[in-house]
Amino acid sequence: MLALLQAHFAWLTGFVICAVLGLILRHERRQARRLAERSKELEHLSAELLRVNRMKSEFLANVSHELRTPLNAIVGFADLLREGVYGELSARQNGPVQRIEASANHLRHLVDQILDLAKMAAGRLDVHAESIDLRPFILDVASEVESLVSEKKLHISLALTSPLPRVQTDPTHLRQILVNLVGNAVKYTNEGSIIIRSRLVPPTDAAIPRHLRLSREAMDTPPHPWIIVQVIDSGVGIAPADHIRIFEEFEQVNAGPRGDSIKRGTGLGLPISRRLARLLGGDVTVESKLGNGATFTVWLPTDIDLDVIAAQETRKTPV
C-alpha cells in the first residue's frame, strides 16, 4: 500500500512539475512574441520619427530659402527709401523707415540662421576647404566687426602669435563662427574690452578637450598641434551651470524682455558656431564665471581631411 502511495505521489509530483514547466514555457513564448512585436513597433516608430524629422528639416530649409527673396526686397527698398532715391524723407518718416530696415535685417538674419541649422541637420551644408593664413584672416574679421564694437564704446584688441601655420579650413564658416562669437561678446559686455587671441597648442597640451583627443585617436592619425582662436570679453560672464545650455538651440541666458527681439537675439548664434566648428574638425568651448567675463575658444586642427569630418558629423547629427 505504501509503495502504491509513493508511486502515486511521484506521478503527481512529476505531473505538477511538467505542468509548471509547461506554463513557464508558454509564458516565455508569449513574452518572446510580445518582445518581438514591441521591437517591430519601436523600429517602426523610430523610422517614422526619422522620416518626420527629415521632413521638418527639409521644410525649414525650403521655407527659409523661400523667405529670403521677399526679405531681401524689403531690405533693399527700405535702404533706397532711406537714401532718398524716391524723394527726400521727412523727419517724421525717417524713424519708421529705419525701424522697417532694422526689423527686416533682424528677420533676414534669423532666417539665415534657421536655414543654416536646417542644412546642418539635413547634412546639406557644404564644406569648401582652403589653405588660409590665419593672421590676415583674423585681422580682416576684426575690421569687419569694428563698427559693431564701437557702437557700444568698447575697445577691441588683437593678440596674434606669429608665425602661425596655415590651416586647411572653410573660410566662410570660420568667418561666421568668429563674427558670431564677437557679436555675442559685444551683446553681453557693457564696458571694457574684447580681445581676439590666437596661438598654437601642442598635441600633448592638457588644455585640449578630451573628446577632441579621442576623435583624433579614433581616426588613427598621428598627433598634430591645434590652433586656437579665442574671443575674450569683460562682460557679465556665464554661470558654470549654464555652460552646456548656451550651446542648445533657442536657449539664452539673461536674454532680456521678449518684446525687444532685436536686442534679445535668437539663441542660435552659439549652437550654430559649435556645429560649424565641429564640421571643420574642431569645436567651440567656453570658460566663464558670473561677473568675470567669458572666453570662447575655437579649436582648429592643423592637419585633417574635412571631407571625412563632414561625413562623420552628418551621421551623428539627428535629421
Protein backbone atom coordinates (compact mmCIF):
# COMPACT_ATOMS: atom_id res chain seq x y z
CA MET A 1 0.00 0.00 0.00
CA LEU A 2 2.85 2.38 0.92
CA ALA A 3 4.58 1.61 -2.35
CA LEU A 4 1.39 2.42 -4.24
CA LEU A 5 1.03 5.75 -2.47
CA GLN A 6 4.64 6.58 -3.18
CA ALA A 7 4.12 5.74 -6.85
CA HIS A 8 1.02 7.96 -6.99
CA PHE A 9 2.86 10.76 -5.21
CA ALA A 10 5.80 10.51 -7.57
CA TRP A 11 3.45 10.52 -10.55
CA LEU A 12 1.57 13.52 -9.15
CA THR A 13 4.82 15.35 -8.44
CA GLY A 14 6.04 14.69 -11.97
CA PHE A 15 2.73 15.86 -13.39
CA VAL A 16 2.86 19.09 -11.37
CA ILE A 17 6.47 19.73 -12.40
CA CYS A 18 5.61 19.14 -16.05
CA ALA A 19 2.58 21.41 -15.78
CA VAL A 20 4.64 24.16 -14.15
CA LEU A 21 7.36 23.80 -16.76
CA GLY A 22 4.72 23.91 -19.48
CA LEU A 23 3.22 27.07 -18.04
CA ILE A 24 6.67 28.66 -17.74
CA LEU A 25 7.50 27.69 -21.31
CA ARG A 26 4.17 29.04 -22.52
CA HIS A 27 4.76 32.29 -20.63
CA GLU A 28 8.25 32.61 -22.07
CA ARG A 29 6.92 32.07 -25.59
CA ARG A 30 4.30 34.76 -25.02
CA GLN A 31 6.95 37.11 -23.68
CA ALA A 32 9.18 36.41 -26.66
CA ARG A 33 6.29 37.14 -29.05
CA ARG A 34 5.46 40.34 -27.17
CA LEU A 35 9.10 41.43 -27.24
CA ALA A 36 9.32 40.71 -30.95
CA GLU A 37 6.12 42.68 -31.58
CA ARG A 38 7.33 45.50 -29.36
CA SER A 39 10.67 45.54 -31.16
CA LYS A 40 8.88 45.83 -34.51
CA GLU A 41 6.73 48.66 -33.14
CA LEU A 42 9.81 50.50 -31.87
CA GLU A 43 11.58 50.03 -35.19
CA HIS A 44 8.53 51.39 -36.97
CA LEU A 45 8.28 54.35 -34.58
CA SER A 46 12.00 55.05 -34.95
CA ALA A 47 11.73 55.02 -38.74
CA GLU A 48 8.67 57.26 -38.55
CA LEU A 49 10.43 59.74 -36.24
CA LEU A 50 13.42 59.87 -38.59
CA ARG A 51 11.06 60.49 -41.50
CA VAL A 52 9.19 63.24 -39.65
CA ASN A 53 12.42 64.89 -38.52
CA ARG A 54 13.79 64.74 -42.04
CA MET A 55 10.58 66.30 -43.35
CA LYS A 56 10.84 69.00 -40.67
CA SER A 57 14.42 69.81 -41.65
CA GLU A 58 13.53 69.87 -45.34
CA PHE A 59 10.51 72.09 -44.58
CA LEU A 60 12.61 74.54 -42.57
CA ALA A 61 15.27 74.64 -45.25
CA ASN A 62 12.75 75.19 -48.05
CA VAL A 63 10.67 77.79 -46.19
CA SER A 64 13.77 79.68 -45.04
CA HIS A 65 15.09 79.71 -48.59
CA GLU A 66 11.78 80.99 -49.97
CA LEU A 67 11.59 83.73 -47.31
CA ARG A 68 14.95 85.14 -48.31
CA THR A 69 13.76 86.65 -51.62
CA PRO A 70 10.94 88.86 -50.25
CA LEU A 71 13.05 89.81 -47.22
CA ASN A 72 15.93 90.90 -49.45
CA ALA A 73 13.43 93.01 -51.42
CA ILE A 74 12.12 94.66 -48.23
CA VAL A 75 15.64 95.43 -47.03
CA GLY A 76 16.64 96.74 -50.45
CA PHE A 77 13.65 99.06 -50.86
CA ALA A 78 13.95 100.31 -47.26
CA ASP A 79 17.57 101.15 -47.98
CA LEU A 80 16.60 103.01 -51.16
CA LEU A 81 13.94 104.96 -49.27
CA ARG A 82 16.45 105.91 -46.56
CA GLU A 83 18.95 107.10 -49.19
CA GLY A 84 16.29 109.32 -50.80
CA VAL A 85 16.12 107.55 -54.16
CA TYR A 86 12.31 108.05 -54.21
CA GLY A 87 12.48 111.53 -52.74
CA GLU A 88 13.69 113.06 -49.53
CA LEU A 89 12.12 111.65 -46.37
CA SER A 90 10.67 113.99 -43.81
CA ALA A 91 11.89 113.92 -40.21
CA ARG A 92 8.68 112.09 -39.29
CA GLN A 93 9.26 109.42 -41.96
CA ASN A 94 12.90 108.71 -41.13
CA GLY A 95 12.16 106.88 -37.90
CA PRO A 96 9.62 104.38 -39.32
CA VAL A 97 11.82 103.66 -42.37
CA GLN A 98 14.82 102.95 -40.12
CA ARG A 99 12.62 100.70 -37.98
CA ILE A 100 11.45 98.79 -41.07
CA GLU A 101 15.05 98.33 -42.20
CA ALA A 102 16.26 97.20 -38.75
CA SER A 103 13.37 94.75 -38.30
CA ALA A 104 13.78 93.33 -41.82
CA ASN A 105 17.53 92.88 -41.30
CA HIS A 106 16.86 91.15 -37.98
CA LEU A 107 14.31 88.84 -39.60
CA ARG A 108 16.67 88.09 -42.51
CA HIS A 109 19.43 87.24 -40.02
CA LEU A 110 17.05 84.87 -38.18
CA VAL A 111 16.01 83.21 -41.46
CA ASP A 112 19.67 82.76 -42.44
CA GLN A 113 20.41 81.12 -39.08
CA ILE A 114 17.42 78.77 -39.31
CA LEU A 115 18.42 77.86 -42.86
CA ASP A 116 21.97 77.07 -41.73
CA LEU A 117 20.64 74.98 -38.84
CA ALA A 118 18.26 73.08 -41.12
CA LYS A 119 21.02 72.44 -43.65
CA MET A 120 23.32 71.09 -40.95
CA ALA A 121 20.58 68.86 -39.56
CA ALA A 122 19.84 67.52 -43.04
CA GLY A 123 23.54 67.09 -43.84
CA ARG A 124 23.27 69.55 -46.72
CA LEU A 125 25.74 72.19 -45.56
CA ASP A 126 28.78 72.11 -47.83
CA VAL A 127 32.35 72.48 -46.61
CA HIS A 128 34.83 74.01 -49.05
CA ALA A 129 38.31 73.73 -47.57
CA GLU A 130 41.05 76.18 -48.45
CA SER A 131 44.52 76.78 -47.12
CA ILE A 132 44.41 80.12 -45.29
CA ASP A 133 46.85 82.29 -43.40
CA LEU A 134 45.10 82.95 -40.09
CA ARG A 135 46.81 86.20 -39.14
CA PRO A 136 45.50 88.36 -42.05
CA PHE A 137 42.22 86.42 -41.92
CA ILE A 138 41.61 87.39 -38.26
CA LEU A 139 42.68 90.97 -38.97
CA ASP A 140 40.06 91.10 -41.72
CA VAL A 141 37.35 89.73 -39.40
CA ALA A 142 38.33 92.26 -36.71
CA SER A 143 37.94 95.09 -39.24
CA GLU A 144 34.52 93.74 -40.20
CA VAL A 145 33.19 93.80 -36.61
CA GLU A 146 34.93 97.02 -35.55
CA SER A 147 31.83 99.16 -36.10
CA LEU A 148 29.76 96.73 -34.02
CA VAL A 149 32.24 97.06 -31.16
CA SER A 150 32.48 100.85 -31.50
CA GLU A 151 28.70 101.28 -31.24
CA LYS A 152 28.90 100.21 -27.57
CA LYS A 153 32.06 102.26 -27.00
CA LEU A 154 34.11 99.12 -26.37
CA HIS A 155 37.74 98.54 -27.26
CA ILE A 156 38.90 95.61 -29.40
CA SER A 157 42.49 94.37 -29.38
CA LEU A 158 44.36 91.53 -31.08
CA ALA A 159 46.97 89.20 -29.63
CA LEU A 160 48.04 87.01 -32.53
CA THR A 161 51.01 84.69 -32.18
CA SER A 162 53.35 84.92 -35.13
CA PRO A 163 54.07 82.88 -37.09
CA LEU A 164 51.09 80.53 -37.21
CA PRO A 165 50.97 77.59 -39.64
CA ARG A 166 48.48 77.77 -42.48
CA VAL A 167 45.27 75.93 -41.70
CA GLN A 168 43.08 73.90 -44.04
CA THR A 169 39.53 75.03 -43.32
CA ASP A 170 36.41 76.61 -44.78
CA PRO A 171 36.94 80.39 -44.59
CA THR A 172 33.22 81.22 -44.92
CA HIS A 173 32.23 79.02 -41.98
CA LEU A 174 35.21 80.13 -39.88
CA ARG A 175 34.33 83.78 -40.51
CA GLN A 176 30.73 83.11 -39.43
CA ILE A 177 31.94 81.45 -36.22
CA LEU A 178 34.20 84.38 -35.28
CA VAL A 179 31.61 87.03 -36.16
CA ASN A 180 29.01 85.18 -34.06
CA LEU A 181 31.39 84.96 -31.09
CA VAL A 182 32.38 88.63 -31.27
CA GLY A 183 28.72 89.63 -31.65
CA ASN A 184 27.87 87.57 -28.59
CA ALA A 185 30.74 89.20 -26.65
CA VAL A 186 29.53 92.69 -27.62
CA LYS A 187 25.96 91.85 -26.59
CA TYR A 188 26.95 90.88 -23.05
CA THR A 189 29.71 93.45 -22.48
CA ASN A 190 28.65 96.92 -21.37
CA GLU A 191 32.12 98.34 -20.74
CA GLY A 192 35.71 97.26 -21.11
CA SER A 193 37.32 95.40 -23.96
CA ILE A 194 37.15 92.43 -26.29
CA ILE A 195 40.34 90.56 -27.14
CA ILE A 196 40.85 88.20 -30.08
CA ARG A 197 43.81 85.96 -29.35
CA SER A 198 45.35 83.06 -31.28
CA ARG A 199 48.15 80.63 -30.59
CA LEU A 200 49.44 77.15 -31.39
CA VAL A 201 48.68 74.36 -28.91
CA PRO A 202 50.97 71.30 -28.93
CA PRO A 203 49.24 67.90 -29.17
CA THR A 204 50.31 66.98 -25.62
CA ASP A 205 48.77 70.07 -24.02
CA ALA A 206 46.40 69.19 -21.18
CA ALA A 207 44.03 72.01 -22.22
CA ILE A 208 42.90 70.09 -25.34
CA PRO A 209 39.34 68.84 -24.69
CA ARG A 210 39.18 65.11 -24.11
CA HIS A 211 36.64 64.46 -26.88
CA LEU A 212 38.94 66.10 -29.42
CA ARG A 213 41.79 63.84 -28.34
CA LEU A 214 39.56 60.78 -28.62
CA SER A 215 38.26 61.79 -32.05
CA ARG A 216 41.79 62.09 -33.41
CA GLU A 217 42.75 58.75 -31.86
CA ALA A 218 39.67 57.14 -33.43
CA MET A 219 40.77 58.44 -36.82
CA ASP A 220 44.15 56.75 -36.23
CA THR A 221 46.09 59.83 -37.31
CA PRO A 222 49.43 60.95 -35.86
CA PRO A 223 49.18 63.70 -33.22
CA HIS A 224 49.20 67.21 -34.61
CA PRO A 225 49.07 70.59 -32.89
CA TRP A 226 45.88 72.60 -32.69
CA ILE A 227 45.35 76.26 -33.46
CA ILE A 228 43.05 78.10 -31.09
CA VAL A 229 41.33 81.43 -31.70
CA GLN A 230 39.87 82.94 -28.53
CA VAL A 231 37.31 85.71 -28.12
CA ILE A 232 37.70 87.14 -24.62
CA ASP A 233 35.32 89.70 -23.15
CA SER A 234 34.97 91.59 -19.87
CA GLY A 235 31.21 91.19 -19.76
CA VAL A 236 28.69 89.76 -17.32
CA GLY A 237 30.02 86.21 -17.53
CA ILE A 238 28.18 82.88 -17.57
CA ALA A 239 27.49 80.63 -14.61
CA PRO A 240 29.15 77.17 -14.93
CA ALA A 241 25.69 75.57 -14.67
CA ASP A 242 24.73 77.30 -17.94
CA HIS A 243 27.81 76.35 -19.96
CA ILE A 244 26.00 73.44 -21.64
CA ARG A 245 22.68 75.22 -22.07
CA ILE A 246 24.07 78.15 -24.06
CA PHE A 247 25.01 75.77 -26.90
CA GLU A 248 21.45 74.45 -27.23
CA GLU A 249 19.17 75.87 -29.94
CA PHE A 250 16.99 78.85 -28.89
CA GLU A 251 18.41 78.82 -25.36
CA GLN A 252 19.55 82.14 -23.89
CA VAL A 253 20.88 83.27 -20.53
CA ASN A 254 19.78 86.70 -19.27
CA ALA A 255 18.22 87.35 -22.65
CA GLY A 256 16.14 90.34 -21.60
CA PRO A 257 12.47 91.08 -22.33
CA ARG A 258 10.79 89.22 -25.16
CA GLY A 259 9.29 92.41 -26.53
CA ASP A 260 12.65 93.69 -27.76
CA SER A 261 13.51 90.79 -30.05
CA ILE A 262 16.26 92.67 -31.93
CA LYS A 263 18.32 93.21 -28.78
CA ARG A 264 17.26 89.86 -27.33
CA GLY A 265 18.66 87.81 -30.23
CA THR A 266 17.67 84.36 -31.43
CA GLY A 267 19.62 81.91 -29.29
CA LEU A 268 21.11 80.33 -32.41
CA GLY A 269 24.50 82.01 -32.74
CA LEU A 270 26.42 79.81 -30.31
CA PRO A 271 24.78 76.48 -31.32
CA ILE A 272 25.47 77.22 -34.99
CA SER A 273 29.05 78.23 -34.19
CA ARG A 274 29.69 74.98 -32.34
CA ARG A 275 28.16 72.86 -35.11
CA LEU A 276 30.18 74.67 -37.75
CA ALA A 277 33.37 74.25 -35.73
CA ARG A 278 32.71 70.51 -35.44
CA LEU A 279 32.15 70.33 -39.19
CA LEU A 280 35.62 71.87 -39.51
CA GLY A 281 37.10 69.12 -37.33
CA GLY A 282 37.29 71.18 -34.13
CA ASP A 283 34.95 72.63 -31.55
CA VAL A 284 33.94 75.73 -29.59
CA THR A 285 34.40 75.67 -25.82
CA VAL A 286 33.74 78.23 -23.10
CA GLU A 287 35.37 79.26 -19.84
CA SER A 288 33.46 81.72 -17.69
CA LYS A 289 32.14 82.68 -14.27
CA LEU A 290 29.45 85.17 -13.37
CA GLY A 291 30.88 88.67 -13.23
CA ASN A 292 34.27 87.66 -14.69
CA GLY A 293 33.64 87.83 -18.44
CA ALA A 294 33.86 84.88 -20.81
CA THR A 295 36.44 83.22 -23.03
CA PHE A 296 35.16 81.33 -26.08
CA THR A 297 37.78 79.16 -27.76
CA VAL A 298 37.62 77.93 -31.35
CA TRP A 299 39.71 74.77 -31.81
CA LEU A 300 41.06 74.20 -35.32
CA PRO A 301 43.08 71.13 -36.38
CA THR A 302 46.24 71.80 -38.36
CA ASP A 303 46.14 68.61 -40.41
CA ILE A 304 42.84 66.87 -41.14
CA ASP A 305 40.60 65.72 -44.01
CA LEU A 306 37.50 67.92 -43.76
CA ASP A 307 35.50 65.69 -46.12
CA VAL A 308 35.84 62.82 -43.61
CA ILE A 309 34.87 65.08 -40.70
CA ALA A 310 31.84 66.45 -42.54
CA ALA A 311 30.63 62.90 -43.28
CA GLN A 312 31.06 61.89 -39.62
CA GLU A 313 29.20 64.96 -38.30
CA THR A 314 26.37 64.34 -40.76
CA ARG A 315 25.94 60.80 -39.44
CA LYS A 316 26.00 61.99 -35.81
CA THR A 317 23.57 64.90 -36.29
CA PRO A 318 19.87 63.97 -35.97
CA VAL A 319 17.89 64.87 -39.07
